[in-house]
Every structure is written in structure tokens, then in C-alpha cells.
Amino acid sequence: MRIELPIAWVILLNVAGWPVIQFGLAWVFLRLPVDWFNPAPARSWEQGGRFYERGFAIKHWKDRLPDAARWFGGGFAKGTLAGTEQDYLRRFIRETWRGELCHWCAVACTPLFFLWNPGWADLVMAAYALGANLPCILAQRYNRARFQRVLARSSGRGPSAA
């Protein structure tokens, strides 16, 4: 069931709604204990991150993505690698899972916009949600697969090839 609103309200809800959702989710997720985020091992098809390098040329654009963790107190910055110790890499891996889940939750909020938008705008909202969040999801998955590969190699449980 659609809610009929004046066009000014539709525009305001669309323009303001996404930042409120994105920042609100980021704020909530950053307050959840890091121990709640235990990602599964990378999938074999991810090839330790190589899938993202070959399929999406991720190395060429991932560093241009914003790192919202810096915008909130207590966030774990993932834009640059600050260490190579195993504990740091384990924390980094957990934080990539936190970030990925946060972005998936934002995508899951897309149907909220369907309540007041006309059908054609639903497609615009869905395209925005995917365009704004999938690059971040891919970057999180890429980094997690890479660091899981590094940890497995350093503990002698994984392949030795880089």
C-alpha cells in the first residue's frame, strides 16, 4: 500500500532518508561488541581475494571508498593497514564482517522507500541502494578473504602462494 504524499515530501524523504539510514546503522553497528562478529572462512570461489581482483578490478578503486569508521568515535579504521600482527589482522577481519553486515542491512531497508514512491522511483531507490552499498560490501569481502589467507598461511594451515 502506497502512501500518497506531496512531491516535496517524497523528495525530502528520499534525499534525507538514505543518509539517516546509513549513518544510523553505522552508529548502531559500531556500538555492538566486536565479539558478535565472527565471519565464516572465505569461500573457495573467492580465491583469497583474487576473484575480486580479476572480476571487479577492485585494487583500482577500493581505496576511493569512504571509511565511515573514522566519522564515529570508537570506529575501527579499515582504509589503511595499521599493522601485521595476527591479533590485529583477526580484529580487522571481524571489522570487515561488521561493515559488510551494516551495508547489507542498509540494502535491506530499500523497501521502506517503496511506501511513498511511485513504481518507477522504486527502481531508482533500489539502484541507489545497490550502487552505494555493493562496492563497500565487495571491498569488505575482498579484504577479509585476503587477510584470512594471510593468517592461514602464517599459521601453516593454508596455501603458501600469495
N, C-alpha and C. Protein backbone atom coordinates (compact mmCIF):
# COMPACT_ATOMS: atom_id res chain seq x y z
N MET A 1 0.84 -1.17 0.00
CA MET A 1 0.00 0.00 0.00
C MET A 1 0.89 1.24 0.00
N ARG A 2 0.67 2.10 -0.97
CA ARG A 2 1.45 3.32 -1.10
C ARG A 2 0.83 4.46 -0.30
N ILE A 3 1.70 5.29 0.25
CA ILE A 3 1.27 6.48 0.97
C ILE A 3 1.36 7.64 -0.02
N GLU A 4 0.27 8.32 -0.24
CA GLU A 4 0.26 9.47 -1.14
C GLU A 4 0.77 10.70 -0.40
N LEU A 5 1.85 11.27 -0.89
CA LEU A 5 2.45 12.45 -0.29
C LEU A 5 2.71 13.49 -1.36
N PRO A 6 2.76 14.76 -0.98
CA PRO A 6 3.17 15.79 -1.94
C PRO A 6 4.60 15.51 -2.42
N ILE A 7 4.88 15.89 -3.63
CA ILE A 7 6.18 15.60 -4.24
C ILE A 7 7.34 16.16 -3.41
N ALA A 8 7.14 17.30 -2.78
CA ALA A 8 8.21 17.88 -1.94
C ALA A 8 8.55 16.93 -0.79
N TRP A 9 7.55 16.31 -0.20
CA TRP A 9 7.79 15.37 0.89
C TRP A 9 8.48 14.11 0.38
N VAL A 10 8.07 13.65 -0.79
CA VAL A 10 8.71 12.46 -1.37
C VAL A 10 10.18 12.72 -1.59
N ILE A 11 10.50 13.86 -2.17
CA ILE A 11 11.90 14.21 -2.42
C ILE A 11 12.67 14.33 -1.10
N LEU A 12 12.07 15.01 -0.13
CA LEU A 12 12.72 15.17 1.17
C LEU A 12 12.98 13.82 1.83
N LEU A 13 11.98 12.95 1.82
CA LEU A 13 12.15 11.62 2.43
C LEU A 13 13.22 10.81 1.71
N ASN A 14 13.26 10.90 0.40
CA ASN A 14 14.26 10.15 -0.36
C ASN A 14 15.68 10.69 -0.12
N VAL A 15 15.81 12.01 -0.16
CA VAL A 15 17.13 12.62 -0.02
C VAL A 15 17.65 12.51 1.41
N ALA A 16 16.79 12.71 2.37
CA ALA A 16 17.22 12.63 3.77
C ALA A 16 17.20 11.21 4.32
N GLY A 17 16.35 10.38 3.75
CA GLY A 17 16.18 9.02 4.28
C GLY A 17 17.43 8.17 4.19
N TRP A 18 18.11 8.21 3.06
CA TRP A 18 19.29 7.36 2.92
C TRP A 18 20.41 7.73 3.88
N PRO A 19 20.77 9.01 4.00
CA PRO A 19 21.81 9.32 4.99
C PRO A 19 21.41 8.95 6.41
N VAL A 20 20.15 9.16 6.77
CA VAL A 20 19.71 8.79 8.11
C VAL A 20 19.86 7.29 8.32
N ILE A 21 19.46 6.51 7.33
CA ILE A 21 19.59 5.05 7.44
C ILE A 21 21.05 4.64 7.50
N GLN A 22 21.86 5.13 6.58
CA GLN A 22 23.27 4.72 6.51
C GLN A 22 24.02 5.11 7.79
N PHE A 23 23.89 6.36 8.20
CA PHE A 23 24.61 6.80 9.40
C PHE A 23 24.02 6.18 10.65
N GLY A 24 22.71 6.04 10.68
CA GLY A 24 22.08 5.40 11.84
C GLY A 24 22.53 3.96 12.02
N LEU A 25 22.56 3.21 10.93
CA LEU A 25 23.03 1.82 11.01
C LEU A 25 24.51 1.77 11.40
N ALA A 26 25.32 2.64 10.82
CA ALA A 26 26.74 2.66 11.16
C ALA A 26 26.92 2.95 12.64
N TRP A 27 26.17 3.91 13.17
CA TRP A 27 26.26 4.25 14.58
C TRP A 27 25.88 3.05 15.45
N VAL A 28 24.78 2.38 15.10
CA VAL A 28 24.33 1.21 15.87
C VAL A 28 25.35 0.09 15.80
N PHE A 29 25.81 -0.23 14.60
CA PHE A 29 26.74 -1.34 14.43
C PHE A 29 28.05 -1.08 15.15
N LEU A 30 28.50 0.17 15.20
CA LEU A 30 29.75 0.48 15.90
C LEU A 30 29.63 0.34 17.40
N ARG A 31 28.43 0.31 17.89
CA ARG A 31 28.23 0.15 19.33
C ARG A 31 28.02 -1.30 19.74
N LEU A 32 27.92 -2.19 18.79
CA LEU A 32 27.78 -3.62 19.09
C LEU A 32 29.16 -4.19 19.41
N PRO A 33 29.24 -5.12 20.33
CA PRO A 33 30.55 -5.71 20.68
C PRO A 33 31.19 -6.42 19.49
N VAL A 34 32.47 -6.19 19.32
CA VAL A 34 33.19 -6.81 18.20
C VAL A 34 33.13 -8.33 18.28
N ASP A 35 32.98 -8.88 19.49
CA ASP A 35 32.91 -10.33 19.65
C ASP A 35 31.68 -10.93 18.97
N TRP A 36 30.68 -10.12 18.67
CA TRP A 36 29.49 -10.62 17.99
C TRP A 36 29.74 -10.90 16.51
N PHE A 37 30.85 -10.43 15.99
CA PHE A 37 31.12 -10.54 14.56
C PHE A 37 32.20 -11.59 14.31
N ASN A 38 31.75 -12.78 13.97
CA ASN A 38 32.64 -13.91 13.70
C ASN A 38 32.37 -14.43 12.29
N PRO A 39 33.08 -13.92 11.32
CA PRO A 39 32.81 -14.32 9.94
C PRO A 39 33.25 -15.76 9.68
N ALA A 40 32.54 -16.37 8.78
CA ALA A 40 32.93 -17.70 8.32
C ALA A 40 34.19 -17.56 7.46
N PRO A 41 34.90 -18.66 7.27
CA PRO A 41 36.06 -18.59 6.37
C PRO A 41 35.62 -18.17 4.96
N ALA A 42 36.53 -17.54 4.25
CA ALA A 42 36.24 -17.12 2.89
C ALA A 42 35.84 -18.34 2.06
N ARG A 43 34.98 -18.10 1.11
CA ARG A 43 34.54 -19.17 0.21
C ARG A 43 35.68 -19.52 -0.75
N SER A 44 35.69 -20.74 -1.19
CA SER A 44 36.77 -21.17 -2.09
C SER A 44 36.75 -20.37 -3.39
N TRP A 45 35.56 -20.00 -3.87
CA TRP A 45 35.49 -19.25 -5.12
C TRP A 45 36.08 -17.84 -4.99
N GLU A 46 36.24 -17.36 -3.75
CA GLU A 46 36.84 -16.04 -3.56
C GLU A 46 38.35 -16.07 -3.77
N GLN A 47 38.94 -17.26 -3.73
CA GLN A 47 40.35 -17.47 -4.03
C GLN A 47 41.26 -16.51 -3.26
N GLY A 48 40.97 -16.35 -1.98
CA GLY A 48 41.80 -15.49 -1.15
C GLY A 48 41.79 -14.04 -1.58
N GLY A 49 40.72 -13.62 -2.27
CA GLY A 49 40.59 -12.24 -2.74
C GLY A 49 40.85 -12.08 -4.23
N ARG A 50 41.44 -13.06 -4.85
CA ARG A 50 41.78 -12.93 -6.27
C ARG A 50 40.55 -12.79 -7.16
N PHE A 51 39.44 -13.42 -6.75
CA PHE A 51 38.20 -13.30 -7.52
C PHE A 51 37.81 -11.83 -7.68
N TYR A 52 37.95 -11.05 -6.62
CA TYR A 52 37.58 -9.64 -6.66
C TYR A 52 38.57 -8.82 -7.47
N GLU A 53 39.82 -9.24 -7.46
CA GLU A 53 40.83 -8.54 -8.27
C GLU A 53 40.55 -8.76 -9.75
N ARG A 54 40.26 -9.99 -10.12
CA ARG A 54 40.04 -10.31 -11.54
C ARG A 54 38.66 -9.87 -12.02
N GLY A 55 37.64 -10.13 -11.22
CA GLY A 55 36.27 -9.87 -11.66
C GLY A 55 35.81 -8.43 -11.53
N PHE A 56 36.41 -7.69 -10.60
CA PHE A 56 35.95 -6.33 -10.34
C PHE A 56 37.06 -5.29 -10.38
N ALA A 57 38.28 -5.70 -10.67
CA ALA A 57 39.44 -4.78 -10.66
C ALA A 57 39.45 -3.95 -9.38
N ILE A 58 39.19 -4.60 -8.28
CA ILE A 58 38.96 -3.92 -7.01
C ILE A 58 40.17 -3.12 -6.53
N LYS A 59 41.36 -3.54 -6.87
CA LYS A 59 42.55 -2.81 -6.43
C LYS A 59 42.59 -1.38 -6.98
N HIS A 60 41.89 -1.15 -8.09
CA HIS A 60 41.93 0.16 -8.74
C HIS A 60 40.98 1.17 -8.12
N TRP A 61 39.99 0.73 -7.37
CA TRP A 61 39.00 1.67 -6.86
C TRP A 61 38.68 1.56 -5.38
N LYS A 62 39.07 0.49 -4.71
CA LYS A 62 38.64 0.30 -3.32
C LYS A 62 39.16 1.38 -2.38
N ASP A 63 40.31 1.95 -2.67
CA ASP A 63 40.87 2.98 -1.80
C ASP A 63 40.13 4.31 -1.91
N ARG A 64 39.25 4.44 -2.87
CA ARG A 64 38.47 5.68 -3.03
C ARG A 64 37.17 5.65 -2.23
N LEU A 65 36.85 4.51 -1.64
CA LEU A 65 35.62 4.40 -0.86
C LEU A 65 35.78 5.10 0.49
N PRO A 66 34.71 5.72 0.97
CA PRO A 66 34.81 6.36 2.30
C PRO A 66 34.90 5.30 3.40
N ASP A 67 35.57 5.64 4.46
CA ASP A 67 35.67 4.76 5.64
C ASP A 67 34.94 5.46 6.77
N ALA A 68 33.66 5.13 6.92
CA ALA A 68 32.81 5.82 7.90
C ALA A 68 33.24 5.56 9.34
N ALA A 69 34.05 4.55 9.57
CA ALA A 69 34.51 4.29 10.94
C ALA A 69 35.25 5.50 11.50
N ARG A 70 35.86 6.28 10.64
CA ARG A 70 36.59 7.47 11.08
C ARG A 70 35.64 8.59 11.50
N TRP A 71 34.39 8.51 11.06
CA TRP A 71 33.43 9.57 11.33
C TRP A 71 32.76 9.40 12.69
N PHE A 72 32.93 8.25 13.29
CA PHE A 72 32.30 7.97 14.58
C PHE A 72 33.38 7.62 15.59
N GLY A 73 33.23 8.11 16.79
CA GLY A 73 34.18 7.78 17.84
C GLY A 73 34.18 6.28 18.12
N GLY A 74 35.35 5.72 18.24
CA GLY A 74 35.46 4.30 18.56
C GLY A 74 35.44 3.38 17.36
N GLY A 75 35.34 3.95 16.16
CA GLY A 75 35.33 3.12 14.95
C GLY A 75 36.71 2.56 14.64
N PHE A 76 36.75 1.46 13.94
CA PHE A 76 37.99 0.80 13.57
C PHE A 76 38.26 1.14 12.11
N ALA A 77 39.23 1.98 11.86
CA ALA A 77 39.54 2.41 10.50
C ALA A 77 40.07 1.24 9.69
N LYS A 78 39.51 1.08 8.49
CA LYS A 78 39.91 -0.03 7.62
C LYS A 78 40.47 0.48 6.30
N GLY A 79 40.67 1.79 6.21
CA GLY A 79 41.17 2.35 4.97
C GLY A 79 42.63 2.02 4.71
N THR A 80 43.40 1.86 5.78
CA THR A 80 44.81 1.51 5.65
C THR A 80 45.14 0.44 6.69
N LEU A 81 46.10 -0.35 6.37
CA LEU A 81 46.54 -1.41 7.28
C LEU A 81 47.51 -0.80 8.29
N ALA A 82 47.15 -0.89 9.57
CA ALA A 82 47.96 -0.27 10.62
C ALA A 82 48.91 -1.26 11.30
N GLY A 83 48.92 -2.50 10.88
CA GLY A 83 49.79 -3.49 11.49
C GLY A 83 49.66 -4.82 10.78
N THR A 84 50.55 -5.73 11.12
CA THR A 84 50.50 -7.07 10.51
C THR A 84 50.49 -8.17 11.56
N GLU A 85 50.34 -7.79 12.82
CA GLU A 85 50.28 -8.80 13.87
C GLU A 85 49.00 -9.61 13.71
N GLN A 86 49.06 -10.87 14.14
CA GLN A 86 47.90 -11.75 13.97
C GLN A 86 46.67 -11.24 14.69
N ASP A 87 46.82 -10.71 15.90
CA ASP A 87 45.66 -10.19 16.63
C ASP A 87 45.03 -9.01 15.90
N TYR A 88 45.85 -8.14 15.35
CA TYR A 88 45.33 -7.01 14.59
C TYR A 88 44.58 -7.50 13.35
N LEU A 89 45.15 -8.45 12.64
CA LEU A 89 44.50 -8.98 11.43
C LEU A 89 43.19 -9.68 11.79
N ARG A 90 43.17 -10.40 12.91
CA ARG A 90 41.91 -11.04 13.35
C ARG A 90 40.85 -9.98 13.64
N ARG A 91 41.24 -8.90 14.28
CA ARG A 91 40.29 -7.81 14.56
C ARG A 91 39.83 -7.18 13.26
N PHE A 92 40.75 -6.97 12.34
CA PHE A 92 40.42 -6.39 11.05
C PHE A 92 39.39 -7.26 10.34
N ILE A 93 39.59 -8.56 10.38
CA ILE A 93 38.65 -9.49 9.74
C ILE A 93 37.26 -9.37 10.37
N ARG A 94 37.20 -9.29 11.69
CA ARG A 94 35.90 -9.11 12.37
C ARG A 94 35.25 -7.79 11.94
N GLU A 95 36.05 -6.76 11.81
CA GLU A 95 35.51 -5.45 11.44
C GLU A 95 35.01 -5.44 10.00
N THR A 96 35.62 -6.22 9.12
CA THR A 96 35.10 -6.30 7.75
C THR A 96 33.73 -6.97 7.75
N TRP A 97 33.54 -7.94 8.63
CA TRP A 97 32.23 -8.59 8.74
C TRP A 97 31.20 -7.62 9.30
N ARG A 98 31.58 -6.85 10.29
CA ARG A 98 30.69 -5.82 10.85
C ARG A 98 30.27 -4.85 9.73
N GLY A 99 31.25 -4.36 8.99
CA GLY A 99 30.97 -3.41 7.92
C GLY A 99 30.09 -4.01 6.83
N GLU A 100 30.39 -5.23 6.45
CA GLU A 100 29.58 -5.88 5.41
C GLU A 100 28.14 -6.04 5.87
N LEU A 101 27.93 -6.51 7.08
CA LEU A 101 26.57 -6.69 7.58
C LEU A 101 25.83 -5.36 7.66
N CYS A 102 26.51 -4.31 8.05
CA CYS A 102 25.90 -2.99 8.12
C CYS A 102 25.41 -2.56 6.73
N HIS A 103 26.23 -2.77 5.72
CA HIS A 103 25.83 -2.40 4.36
C HIS A 103 24.69 -3.28 3.84
N TRP A 104 24.70 -4.56 4.18
CA TRP A 104 23.57 -5.42 3.78
C TRP A 104 22.29 -4.96 4.45
N CYS A 105 22.37 -4.53 5.70
CA CYS A 105 21.18 -4.02 6.39
C CYS A 105 20.66 -2.76 5.72
N ALA A 106 21.56 -1.92 5.24
CA ALA A 106 21.12 -0.72 4.52
C ALA A 106 20.38 -1.11 3.24
N VAL A 107 20.91 -2.07 2.50
CA VAL A 107 20.23 -2.54 1.29
C VAL A 107 18.85 -3.10 1.65
N ALA A 108 18.78 -3.80 2.77
CA ALA A 108 17.51 -4.39 3.20
C ALA A 108 16.47 -3.34 3.56
N CYS A 109 16.89 -2.11 3.79
CA CYS A 109 15.94 -1.03 4.10
C CYS A 109 15.28 -0.45 2.84
N THR A 110 15.72 -0.85 1.68
CA THR A 110 15.19 -0.31 0.43
C THR A 110 13.67 -0.36 0.34
N PRO A 111 13.01 -1.46 0.72
CA PRO A 111 11.54 -1.49 0.59
C PRO A 111 10.82 -0.41 1.40
N LEU A 112 11.46 0.15 2.40
CA LEU A 112 10.84 1.24 3.14
C LEU A 112 10.49 2.39 2.19
N PHE A 113 11.35 2.65 1.23
CA PHE A 113 11.14 3.73 0.28
C PHE A 113 10.00 3.43 -0.70
N PHE A 114 9.65 2.18 -0.83
CA PHE A 114 8.55 1.80 -1.72
C PHE A 114 7.20 2.27 -1.17
N LEU A 115 7.16 2.62 0.11
CA LEU A 115 5.91 3.03 0.73
C LEU A 115 5.39 4.35 0.16
N TRP A 116 6.27 5.26 -0.24
CA TRP A 116 5.81 6.57 -0.70
C TRP A 116 6.24 6.92 -2.11
N ASN A 117 7.03 6.09 -2.74
CA ASN A 117 7.50 6.41 -4.09
C ASN A 117 6.61 5.75 -5.15
N PRO A 118 6.51 6.40 -6.30
CA PRO A 118 5.84 5.73 -7.42
C PRO A 118 6.70 4.56 -7.92
N GLY A 119 6.12 3.67 -8.67
CA GLY A 119 6.82 2.46 -9.12
C GLY A 119 8.15 2.72 -9.79
N TRP A 120 8.22 3.72 -10.66
CA TRP A 120 9.48 3.99 -11.35
C TRP A 120 10.56 4.42 -10.37
N ALA A 121 10.18 5.13 -9.31
CA ALA A 121 11.16 5.60 -8.31
C ALA A 121 11.64 4.44 -7.43
N ASP A 122 10.84 3.39 -7.31
CA ASP A 122 11.29 2.21 -6.58
C ASP A 122 12.57 1.66 -7.21
N LEU A 123 12.59 1.67 -8.53
CA LEU A 123 13.79 1.19 -9.25
C LEU A 123 14.98 2.11 -8.98
N VAL A 124 14.73 3.41 -8.92
CA VAL A 124 15.80 4.37 -8.63
C VAL A 124 16.34 4.13 -7.22
N MET A 125 15.44 3.93 -6.27
CA MET A 125 15.86 3.70 -4.88
C MET A 125 16.65 2.39 -4.76
N ALA A 126 16.20 1.36 -5.44
CA ALA A 126 16.92 0.08 -5.41
C ALA A 126 18.30 0.22 -6.06
N ALA A 127 18.35 0.94 -7.18
CA ALA A 127 19.63 1.16 -7.85
C ALA A 127 20.58 1.95 -6.95
N TYR A 128 20.05 2.96 -6.27
CA TYR A 128 20.89 3.72 -5.35
C TYR A 128 21.42 2.82 -4.23
N ALA A 129 20.53 2.05 -3.63
CA ALA A 129 20.93 1.19 -2.50
C ALA A 129 22.04 0.24 -2.93
N LEU A 130 21.90 -0.36 -4.09
CA LEU A 130 22.94 -1.28 -4.56
C LEU A 130 24.20 -0.54 -4.96
N GLY A 131 24.05 0.58 -5.66
CA GLY A 131 25.22 1.34 -6.10
C GLY A 131 26.02 1.92 -4.95
N ALA A 132 25.34 2.32 -3.88
CA ALA A 132 26.02 2.91 -2.74
C ALA A 132 26.63 1.86 -1.81
N ASN A 133 26.07 0.65 -1.79
CA ASN A 133 26.50 -0.34 -0.80
C ASN A 133 27.29 -1.51 -1.37
N LEU A 134 27.02 -1.93 -2.58
CA LEU A 134 27.75 -3.09 -3.11
C LEU A 134 29.25 -2.87 -3.23
N PRO A 135 29.71 -1.70 -3.68
CA PRO A 135 31.18 -1.51 -3.70
C PRO A 135 31.80 -1.70 -2.31
N CYS A 136 31.13 -1.22 -1.28
CA CYS A 136 31.65 -1.36 0.09
C CYS A 136 31.62 -2.83 0.53
N ILE A 137 30.55 -3.52 0.17
CA ILE A 137 30.44 -4.94 0.50
C ILE A 137 31.55 -5.73 -0.19
N LEU A 138 31.78 -5.42 -1.46
CA LEU A 138 32.84 -6.11 -2.19
C LEU A 138 34.21 -5.84 -1.56
N ALA A 139 34.46 -4.60 -1.17
CA ALA A 139 35.75 -4.26 -0.54
C ALA A 139 35.92 -4.99 0.78
N GLN A 140 34.85 -5.08 1.56
CA GLN A 140 34.93 -5.80 2.85
C GLN A 140 35.23 -7.28 2.61
N ARG A 141 34.54 -7.87 1.66
CA ARG A 141 34.75 -9.30 1.37
C ARG A 141 36.17 -9.54 0.83
N TYR A 142 36.61 -8.64 -0.02
CA TYR A 142 37.96 -8.76 -0.59
C TYR A 142 39.02 -8.72 0.51
N ASN A 143 38.94 -7.70 1.37
CA ASN A 143 39.93 -7.59 2.44
C ASN A 143 39.86 -8.77 3.40
N ARG A 144 38.66 -9.21 3.72
CA ARG A 144 38.53 -10.34 4.64
C ARG A 144 39.15 -11.60 4.04
N ALA A 145 38.87 -11.87 2.79
CA ALA A 145 39.43 -13.06 2.13
C ALA A 145 40.96 -12.98 2.09
N ARG A 146 41.50 -11.81 1.80
CA ARG A 146 42.96 -11.63 1.76
C ARG A 146 43.58 -11.88 3.13
N PHE A 147 43.00 -11.27 4.16
CA PHE A 147 43.59 -11.39 5.49
C PHE A 147 43.39 -12.78 6.08
N GLN A 148 42.31 -13.42 5.74
CA GLN A 148 42.14 -14.81 6.18
C GLN A 148 43.20 -15.69 5.52
N ARG A 149 43.50 -15.41 4.26
CA ARG A 149 44.55 -16.16 3.57
C ARG A 149 45.91 -15.92 4.22
N VAL A 150 46.19 -14.67 4.57
CA VAL A 150 47.46 -14.35 5.23
C VAL A 150 47.57 -15.04 6.57
N LEU A 151 46.50 -15.00 7.36
CA LEU A 151 46.52 -15.66 8.66
C LEU A 151 46.69 -17.17 8.53
N ALA A 152 45.98 -17.76 7.58
CA ALA A 152 46.10 -19.21 7.38
C ALA A 152 47.52 -19.58 6.97
N ARG A 153 48.11 -18.78 6.12
CA ARG A 153 49.48 -19.05 5.67
C ARG A 153 50.47 -18.90 6.81
N SER A 154 50.27 -17.87 7.65
CA SER A 154 51.23 -17.63 8.73
C SER A 154 51.10 -18.68 9.84
N SER A 155 49.95 -19.31 9.94
CA SER A 155 49.80 -20.35 10.96
C SER A 155 50.04 -21.73 10.38
N GLY A 156 50.42 -21.79 9.10
CA GLY A 156 50.73 -23.07 8.48
C GLY A 156 49.52 -23.90 8.09
N ARG A 157 48.31 -23.26 8.03
CA ARG A 157 47.10 -24.00 7.70
C ARG A 157 46.65 -23.81 6.27
N GLY A 158 47.31 -22.95 5.54
CA GLY A 158 46.80 -22.65 4.21
C GLY A 158 47.86 -22.75 3.15
N PRO A 159 47.49 -22.38 1.91
CA PRO A 159 48.45 -22.43 0.81
C PRO A 159 49.57 -21.42 1.01
N SER A 160 50.70 -21.71 0.49
CA SER A 160 51.85 -20.82 0.65
C SER A 160 51.94 -19.81 -0.45
N ALA A 161 51.13 -19.93 -1.49
CA ALA A 161 51.18 -18.96 -2.58
C ALA A 161 50.50 -17.67 -2.17
N ALA A 162 51.05 -16.56 -2.63
CA ALA A 162 50.47 -15.25 -2.29
C ALA A 162 49.39 -14.84 -3.26
